Amino acid sequence: MSSLQPFTSNFKDNSTEAGFQFTFYCDLCREGFKTEFIECKSNRSGKLLKSVGGLVSAAAQMSRKHSVGYGLRRGTDVISERFRGMTPQWHKEHQVAFEVAQNEAKRHFQRCPKCRKWVCETDWNEQATLCSNCAPRENVEVAAARASKMVKDIQGKAQETEVFTGEIEGKQTLCPQCDKPAGEGKFCSNCGHNLSMLECERCGTQSPSGVRFCGECGNRLG
């Protein structure tokens, strides 16, 4: 069986009976780098994987535990189980291909000396020789701070700007019967007078209940 010794536990083995390929992930952004595919020379005589459709990545299995040592051990066990039944020649090629893939991937990762995480080039601060989580880039922080301050200034300016110049009035409907606030219902809340609008039979203009003549044409109402 292949005994893989990865430089980082955060990886996925994409190998099949046809060949070998691996994906290594950044410990910060989780972006993956997939290595070049290496064809298996003995694939014609090799046996098929037990379950190609049900492959489980070592990275997914290792995420269940926080212990790095446990993760490395479990990752190796999972990979060994996935490829159980392959020929000894396939396993030898698998081990060699993994070493080649690691050398390829290491050129795209840096290990932070403070937090010990392996990070991609995007999350590596070259000036501080630390990951961007331990040593944020100055230009990025300045730009973010300026943007945050700009939003606060805009909000502050908006608070000082008058955007409504109308008048706010609290109007109440007075009952034509008792001359008191009638409320919002169809009948006066004080005397019970019907507050429904009257429609003029001549011109169709609506007038408050209690009005005797239409204000539009003078026709007698009711």
C-alpha atoms as a PDB file:
ATOM      1  CA  MET A   1       0.000   0.000   0.000  1.00  0.00           C
ATOM      2  CA  SER A   2       1.103   3.579  -0.632  1.00  0.00           C
ATOM      3  CA  SER A   3       2.184   5.427   2.492  1.00  0.00           C
ATOM      4  CA  LEU A   4       1.777   9.098   1.684  1.00  0.00           C
ATOM      5  CA  GLN A   5       3.673  11.682   3.721  1.00  0.00           C
ATOM      6  CA  PRO A   6       2.042  15.010   2.766  1.00  0.00           C
ATOM      7  CA  PHE A   7       3.615  18.386   3.514  1.00  0.00           C
ATOM      8  CA  THR A   8       0.097  19.581   4.428  1.00  0.00           C
ATOM      9  CA  SER A   9      -2.932  17.636   5.628  1.00  0.00           C
ATOM     10  CA  ASN A  10      -5.222  19.886   3.581  1.00  0.00           C
ATOM     11  CA  PHE A  11      -5.183  18.009   0.274  1.00  0.00           C
ATOM     12  CA  LYS A  12      -7.315  15.743  -1.906  1.00  0.00           C
ATOM     13  CA  ASP A  13      -6.166  12.705  -3.849  1.00  0.00           C
ATOM     14  CA  ASN A  14      -7.881  12.724  -7.262  1.00  0.00           C
ATOM     15  CA  SER A  15      -6.059   9.630  -8.549  1.00  0.00           C
ATOM     16  CA  THR A  16      -7.857   6.906 -10.494  1.00  0.00           C
ATOM     17  CA  GLU A  17      -6.820   3.673 -12.181  1.00  0.00           C
ATOM     18  CA  ALA A  18      -5.905   5.766 -15.231  1.00  0.00           C
ATOM     19  CA  GLY A  19      -3.428   8.039 -13.484  1.00  0.00           C
ATOM     20  CA  PHE A  20      -2.532  10.338 -10.610  1.00  0.00           C
ATOM     21  CA  GLN A  21      -3.494  13.883  -9.715  1.00  0.00           C
ATOM     22  CA  PHE A  22      -3.720  15.801  -6.442  1.00  0.00           C
ATOM     23  CA  THR A  23      -5.242  19.059  -5.207  1.00  0.00           C
ATOM     24  CA  PHE A  24      -3.596  21.013  -2.384  1.00  0.00           C
ATOM     25  CA  TYR A  25      -5.625  23.684  -0.558  1.00  0.00           C
ATOM     26  CA  CYS A  26      -4.678  26.966   1.099  1.00  0.00           C
ATOM     27  CA  ASP A  27      -5.309  26.891   4.857  1.00  0.00           C
ATOM     28  CA  LEU A  28      -6.764  30.427   4.729  1.00  0.00           C
ATOM     29  CA  CYS A  29      -8.829  30.951   1.583  1.00  0.00           C
ATOM     30  CA  ARG A  30      -9.346  27.226   0.828  1.00  0.00           C
ATOM     31  CA  GLU A  31      -8.526  27.805  -2.827  1.00  0.00           C
ATOM     32  CA  GLY A  32      -7.046  24.683  -4.384  1.00  0.00           C
ATOM     33  CA  PHE A  33      -4.060  24.064  -6.654  1.00  0.00           C
ATOM     34  CA  LYS A  34      -4.451  20.967  -8.830  1.00  0.00           C
ATOM     35  CA  THR A  35      -1.237  19.305  -9.966  1.00  0.00           C
ATOM     36  CA  GLU A  36      -0.614  18.021 -13.470  1.00  0.00           C
ATOM     37  CA  PHE A  37      -2.088  14.653 -14.361  1.00  0.00           C
ATOM     38  CA  ILE A  38       0.419  11.780 -14.470  1.00  0.00           C
ATOM     39  CA  GLU A  39      -0.688   8.770 -16.487  1.00  0.00           C
ATOM     40  CA  CYS A  40      -0.409   5.365 -14.871  1.00  0.00           C
ATOM     41  CA  LYS A  41       1.872   3.160 -16.961  1.00  0.00           C
ATOM     42  CA  SER A  42       0.480  -0.041 -15.498  1.00  0.00           C
ATOM     43  CA  ASN A  43      -3.188   0.933 -15.718  1.00  0.00           C
ATOM     44  CA  ARG A  44      -3.937  -1.754 -18.316  1.00  0.00           C
ATOM     45  CA  SER A  45      -3.031  -4.546 -15.956  1.00  0.00           C
ATOM     46  CA  GLY A  46      -4.294  -2.800 -12.807  1.00  0.00           C
ATOM     47  CA  LYS A  47      -7.610  -3.527 -11.169  1.00  0.00           C
ATOM     48  CA  LEU A  48     -10.406  -1.001 -11.005  1.00  0.00           C
ATOM     49  CA  LEU A  49     -11.027   0.999  -7.852  1.00  0.00           C
ATOM     50  CA  LYS A  50     -13.569  -0.470  -5.479  1.00  0.00           C
ATOM     51  CA  SER A  51     -16.017   2.382  -5.950  1.00  0.00           C
ATOM     52  CA  VAL A  52     -15.075   5.162  -8.327  1.00  0.00           C
ATOM     53  CA  GLY A  53     -18.447   6.887  -7.844  1.00  0.00           C
ATOM     54  CA  GLY A  54     -18.120   6.979  -4.072  1.00  0.00           C
ATOM     55  CA  LEU A  55     -14.649   8.438  -3.669  1.00  0.00           C
ATOM     56  CA  VAL A  56     -14.171  10.442  -0.503  1.00  0.00           C
ATOM     57  CA  SER A  57     -11.400  13.031  -0.258  1.00  0.00           C
ATOM     58  CA  ALA A  58      -8.884  12.816   2.543  1.00  0.00           C
ATOM     59  CA  ALA A  59      -9.398  16.505   3.230  1.00  0.00           C
ATOM     60  CA  ALA A  60     -13.128  15.995   3.867  1.00  0.00           C
ATOM     61  CA  GLN A  61     -12.446  13.103   6.214  1.00  0.00           C
ATOM     62  CA  MET A  62      -9.760  14.972   8.125  1.00  0.00           C
ATOM     63  CA  SER A  63     -11.993  17.981   8.709  1.00  0.00           C
ATOM     64  CA  ARG A  64     -13.951  15.916  11.242  1.00  0.00           C
ATOM     65  CA  LYS A  65     -11.084  16.173  13.736  1.00  0.00           C
ATOM     66  CA  HIS A  66      -9.047  19.163  14.858  1.00  0.00           C
ATOM     67  CA  SER A  67      -5.894  17.188  15.678  1.00  0.00           C
ATOM     68  CA  VAL A  68      -3.318  17.445  12.888  1.00  0.00           C
ATOM     69  CA  GLY A  69      -1.694  14.169  13.891  1.00  0.00           C
ATOM     70  CA  TYR A  70      -5.030  12.407  13.878  1.00  0.00           C
ATOM     71  CA  GLY A  71      -5.878  13.994  10.527  1.00  0.00           C
ATOM     72  CA  LEU A  72      -2.679  12.798   8.889  1.00  0.00           C
ATOM     73  CA  ARG A  73      -3.162   9.285  10.167  1.00  0.00           C
ATOM     74  CA  ARG A  74      -6.834   9.165   9.172  1.00  0.00           C
ATOM     75  CA  GLY A  75      -6.071  10.708   5.775  1.00  0.00           C
ATOM     76  CA  THR A  76      -3.532   8.000   5.024  1.00  0.00           C
ATOM     77  CA  ASP A  77      -5.975   5.314   6.175  1.00  0.00           C
ATOM     78  CA  VAL A  78      -8.760   6.653   3.955  1.00  0.00           C
ATOM     79  CA  ILE A  79      -6.506   6.838   0.906  1.00  0.00           C
ATOM     80  CA  SER A  80      -5.228   3.311   1.538  1.00  0.00           C
ATOM     81  CA  GLU A  81      -8.801   2.015   1.758  1.00  0.00           C
ATOM     82  CA  ARG A  82      -9.828   3.783  -1.448  1.00  0.00           C
ATOM     83  CA  PHE A  83      -7.053   2.151  -3.443  1.00  0.00           C
ATOM     84  CA  ARG A  84      -7.208  -1.266  -1.841  1.00  0.00           C
ATOM     85  CA  GLY A  85      -7.130  -3.907  -4.582  1.00  0.00           C
ATOM     86  CA  MET A  86      -4.828  -2.016  -6.929  1.00  0.00           C
ATOM     87  CA  THR A  87      -1.664  -3.778  -8.082  1.00  0.00           C
ATOM     88  CA  PRO A  88       1.650  -3.271  -6.245  1.00  0.00           C
ATOM     89  CA  GLN A  89       2.999  -1.600  -9.382  1.00  0.00           C
ATOM     90  CA  TRP A  90       0.130   0.915  -9.305  1.00  0.00           C
ATOM     91  CA  HIS A  91       0.894   1.753  -5.679  1.00  0.00           C
ATOM     92  CA  LYS A  92       4.564   2.287  -6.460  1.00  0.00           C
ATOM     93  CA  GLU A  93       3.655   4.687  -9.261  1.00  0.00           C
ATOM     94  CA  HIS A  94       1.152   6.378  -6.938  1.00  0.00           C
ATOM     95  CA  GLN A  95       3.848   7.038  -4.319  1.00  0.00           C
ATOM     96  CA  VAL A  96       6.265   8.459  -6.883  1.00  0.00           C
ATOM     97  CA  ALA A  97       3.555  10.594  -8.465  1.00  0.00           C
ATOM     98  CA  PHE A  98       2.625  11.979  -5.062  1.00  0.00           C
ATOM     99  CA  GLU A  99       6.196  13.084  -4.402  1.00  0.00           C
ATOM    100  CA  VAL A 100       6.309  14.768  -7.815  1.00  0.00           C
ATOM    101  CA  ALA A 101       2.970  16.468  -7.144  1.00  0.00           C
ATOM    102  CA  GLN A 102       4.131  17.736  -3.756  1.00  0.00           C
ATOM    103  CA  ASN A 103       7.254  19.274  -5.260  1.00  0.00           C
ATOM    104  CA  GLU A 104       5.074  20.952  -7.870  1.00  0.00           C
ATOM    105  CA  ALA A 105       2.572  22.256  -5.296  1.00  0.00           C
ATOM    106  CA  LYS A 106       5.179  23.525  -2.836  1.00  0.00           C
ATOM    107  CA  ARG A 107       6.239  26.164  -5.353  1.00  0.00           C
ATOM    108  CA  HIS A 108       2.792  27.744  -4.957  1.00  0.00           C
ATOM    109  CA  PHE A 109       2.563  27.652  -1.147  1.00  0.00           C
ATOM    110  CA  GLN A 110       4.364  29.242   1.780  1.00  0.00           C
ATOM    111  CA  ARG A 111       4.324  28.145   5.411  1.00  0.00           C
ATOM    112  CA  CYS A 112       3.761  30.971   7.876  1.00  0.00           C
ATOM    113  CA  PRO A 113       6.391  30.801  10.648  1.00  0.00           C
ATOM    114  CA  LYS A 114       3.916  32.244  13.160  1.00  0.00           C
ATOM    115  CA  CYS A 115       0.680  30.266  12.724  1.00  0.00           C
ATOM    116  CA  ARG A 116       2.346  27.331  10.863  1.00  0.00           C
ATOM    117  CA  LYS A 117      -0.331  27.313   8.167  1.00  0.00           C
ATOM    118  CA  TRP A 118       0.364  26.622   4.511  1.00  0.00           C
ATOM    119  CA  VAL A 119      -1.015  29.483   2.425  1.00  0.00           C
ATOM    120  CA  CYS A 120      -1.218  30.263  -1.274  1.00  0.00           C
ATOM    121  CA  GLU A 121       0.605  33.131  -2.976  1.00  0.00           C
ATOM    122  CA  THR A 122      -2.455  35.388  -2.675  1.00  0.00           C
ATOM    123  CA  ASP A 123      -2.497  35.046   1.120  1.00  0.00           C
ATOM    124  CA  TRP A 124       1.260  35.466   1.560  1.00  0.00           C
ATOM    125  CA  ASN A 125       2.711  38.829   2.663  1.00  0.00           C
ATOM    126  CA  GLU A 126       6.159  38.861   1.082  1.00  0.00           C
ATOM    127  CA  GLN A 127       7.291  42.040   2.832  1.00  0.00           C
ATOM    128  CA  ALA A 128       6.536  40.674   6.304  1.00  0.00           C
ATOM    129  CA  THR A 129       7.302  37.029   5.376  1.00  0.00           C
ATOM    130  CA  LEU A 130       4.104  36.054   7.160  1.00  0.00           C
ATOM    131  CA  CYS A 131       0.641  35.072   5.983  1.00  0.00           C
ATOM    132  CA  SER A 132      -1.822  37.882   5.407  1.00  0.00           C
ATOM    133  CA  ASN A 133      -3.800  36.742   8.440  1.00  0.00           C
ATOM    134  CA  CYS A 134      -0.861  37.235  10.812  1.00  0.00           C
ATOM    135  CA  ALA A 135       0.473  40.300   8.962  1.00  0.00           C
ATOM    136  CA  PRO A 136      -2.228  42.106   6.926  1.00  0.00           C
ATOM    137  CA  ARG A 137      -0.932  44.050   3.942  1.00  0.00           C
ATOM    138  CA  GLU A 138      -0.633  47.765   4.687  1.00  0.00           C
ATOM    139  CA  ASN A 139      -2.072  48.961   1.370  1.00  0.00           C
ATOM    140  CA  VAL A 140      -5.082  46.677   1.754  1.00  0.00           C
ATOM    141  CA  GLU A 141      -5.796  47.861   5.295  1.00  0.00           C
ATOM    142  CA  VAL A 142      -5.398  51.516   4.277  1.00  0.00           C
ATOM    143  CA  ALA A 143      -7.797  51.093   1.356  1.00  0.00           C
ATOM    144  CA  ALA A 144     -10.336  49.292   3.560  1.00  0.00           C
ATOM    145  CA  ALA A 145     -10.079  51.963   6.277  1.00  0.00           C
ATOM    146  CA  ARG A 146     -10.522  54.764   3.730  1.00  0.00           C
ATOM    147  CA  ALA A 147     -13.584  53.069   2.264  1.00  0.00           C
ATOM    148  CA  SER A 148     -15.105  52.603   5.718  1.00  0.00           C
ATOM    149  CA  LYS A 149     -14.456  56.263   6.606  1.00  0.00           C
ATOM    150  CA  MET A 150     -15.980  57.397   3.300  1.00  0.00           C
ATOM    151  CA  VAL A 151     -19.200  55.525   4.074  1.00  0.00           C
ATOM    152  CA  LYS A 152     -19.384  57.122   7.525  1.00  0.00           C
ATOM    153  CA  ASP A 153     -18.807  60.596   6.029  1.00  0.00           C
ATOM    154  CA  ILE A 154     -21.563  60.046   3.477  1.00  0.00           C
ATOM    155  CA  GLN A 155     -23.965  58.930   6.194  1.00  0.00           C
ATOM    156  CA  GLY A 156     -23.027  61.901   8.374  1.00  0.00           C
ATOM    157  CA  LYS A 157     -23.515  64.346   5.498  1.00  0.00           C
ATOM    158  CA  ALA A 158     -26.888  62.804   4.727  1.00  0.00           C
ATOM    159  CA  GLN A 159     -27.980  63.373   8.320  1.00  0.00           C
ATOM    160  CA  GLU A 160     -27.207  67.073   7.956  1.00  0.00           C
ATOM    161  CA  THR A 161     -28.994  67.440   4.609  1.00  0.00           C
ATOM    162  CA  GLU A 162     -32.636  68.546   4.503  1.00  0.00           C
ATOM    163  CA  VAL A 163     -34.458  66.277   2.075  1.00  0.00           C
ATOM    164  CA  PHE A 164     -38.103  67.072   3.012  1.00  0.00           C
ATOM    165  CA  THR A 165     -39.406  70.630   2.900  1.00  0.00           C
ATOM    166  CA  GLY A 166     -43.151  70.015   3.256  1.00  0.00           C
ATOM    167  CA  GLU A 167     -45.297  70.364   6.339  1.00  0.00           C
ATOM    168  CA  ILE A 168     -46.486  67.546   8.520  1.00  0.00           C
ATOM    169  CA  GLU A 169     -49.996  68.142   9.825  1.00  0.00           C
ATOM    170  CA  GLY A 170     -52.185  65.999  11.975  1.00  0.00           C
ATOM    171  CA  LYS A 171     -55.695  66.400  10.529  1.00  0.00           C
ATOM    172  CA  GLN A 172     -58.812  65.081  12.220  1.00  0.00           C
ATOM    173  CA  THR A 173     -62.291  64.633  10.818  1.00  0.00           C
ATOM    174  CA  LEU A 174     -64.899  66.672  12.706  1.00  0.00           C
ATOM    175  CA  CYS A 175     -68.382  65.296  13.014  1.00  0.00           C
ATOM    176  CA  PRO A 176     -70.902  67.644  11.301  1.00  0.00           C
ATOM    177  CA  GLN A 177     -73.446  66.691  13.962  1.00  0.00           C
ATOM    178  CA  CYS A 178     -71.564  67.237  17.261  1.00  0.00           C
ATOM    179  CA  ASP A 179     -68.535  69.139  15.899  1.00  0.00           C
ATOM    180  CA  LYS A 180     -66.125  66.851  17.757  1.00  0.00           C
ATOM    181  CA  PRO A 181     -63.345  64.586  16.415  1.00  0.00           C
ATOM    182  CA  ALA A 182     -65.202  61.746  14.786  1.00  0.00           C
ATOM    183  CA  GLY A 183     -62.420  59.116  14.674  1.00  0.00           C
ATOM    184  CA  GLU A 184     -61.619  56.888  11.679  1.00  0.00           C
ATOM    185  CA  GLY A 185     -64.763  54.758  11.446  1.00  0.00           C
ATOM    186  CA  LYS A 186     -67.923  55.179   9.390  1.00  0.00           C
ATOM    187  CA  PHE A 187     -69.789  56.584  12.387  1.00  0.00           C
ATOM    188  CA  CYS A 188     -68.841  59.343  14.817  1.00  0.00           C
ATOM    189  CA  SER A 189     -67.135  57.942  17.914  1.00  0.00           C
ATOM    190  CA  ASN A 190     -68.878  60.560  20.079  1.00  0.00           C
ATOM    191  CA  CYS A 191     -72.493  60.762  18.871  1.00  0.00           C
ATOM    192  CA  GLY A 192     -72.774  57.875  16.410  1.00  0.00           C
ATOM    193  CA  HIS A 193     -73.651  60.094  13.440  1.00  0.00           C
ATOM    194  CA  ASN A 194     -73.299  58.468  10.024  1.00  0.00           C
ATOM    195  CA  LEU A 195     -70.129  59.844   8.402  1.00  0.00           C
ATOM    196  CA  SER A 196     -70.686  58.309   4.946  1.00  0.00           C
ATOM    197  CA  MET A 197     -70.249  60.625   1.972  1.00  0.00           C
ATOM    198  CA  LEU A 198     -73.343  61.817   0.083  1.00  0.00           C
ATOM    199  CA  GLU A 199     -73.306  61.784  -3.704  1.00  0.00           C
ATOM    200  CA  CYS A 200     -75.099  64.524  -5.603  1.00  0.00           C
ATOM    201  CA  GLU A 201     -77.717  63.070  -7.948  1.00  0.00           C
ATOM    202  CA  ARG A 202     -77.184  65.915 -10.416  1.00  0.00           C
ATOM    203  CA  CYS A 203     -73.362  66.228 -10.776  1.00  0.00           C
ATOM    204  CA  GLY A 204     -72.011  63.231  -8.853  1.00  0.00           C
ATOM    205  CA  THR A 205     -69.929  65.311  -6.426  1.00  0.00           C
ATOM    206  CA  GLN A 206     -69.487  63.745  -3.015  1.00  0.00           C
ATOM    207  CA  SER A 207     -70.132  65.783   0.122  1.00  0.00           C
ATOM    208  CA  PRO A 208     -69.826  64.965   3.835  1.00  0.00           C
ATOM    209  CA  SER A 209     -72.869  63.586   5.602  1.00  0.00           C
ATOM    210  CA  GLY A 210     -75.021  66.323   7.137  1.00  0.00           C
ATOM    211  CA  VAL A 211     -74.514  68.828   4.287  1.00  0.00           C
ATOM    212  CA  ARG A 212     -77.842  69.932   2.838  1.00  0.00           C
ATOM    213  CA  PHE A 213     -76.744  71.305  -0.534  1.00  0.00           C
ATOM    214  CA  CYS A 214     -74.109  70.229  -3.046  1.00  0.00           C
ATOM    215  CA  GLY A 215     -71.109  72.545  -2.992  1.00  0.00           C
ATOM    216  CA  GLU A 216     -70.543  72.038  -6.717  1.00  0.00           C
ATOM    217  CA  CYS A 217     -73.979  72.630  -8.290  1.00  0.00           C
ATOM    218  CA  GLY A 218     -76.209  73.719  -5.416  1.00  0.00           C
ATOM    219  CA  ASN A 219     -78.547  70.750  -5.718  1.00  0.00           C
ATOM    220  CA  ARG A 220     -80.351  69.770  -2.527  1.00  0.00           C
ATOM    221  CA  LEU A 221     -78.927  66.620  -0.963  1.00  0.00           C
ATOM    222  CA  GLY A 222     -80.887  63.964   0.860  1.00  0.00           C
END
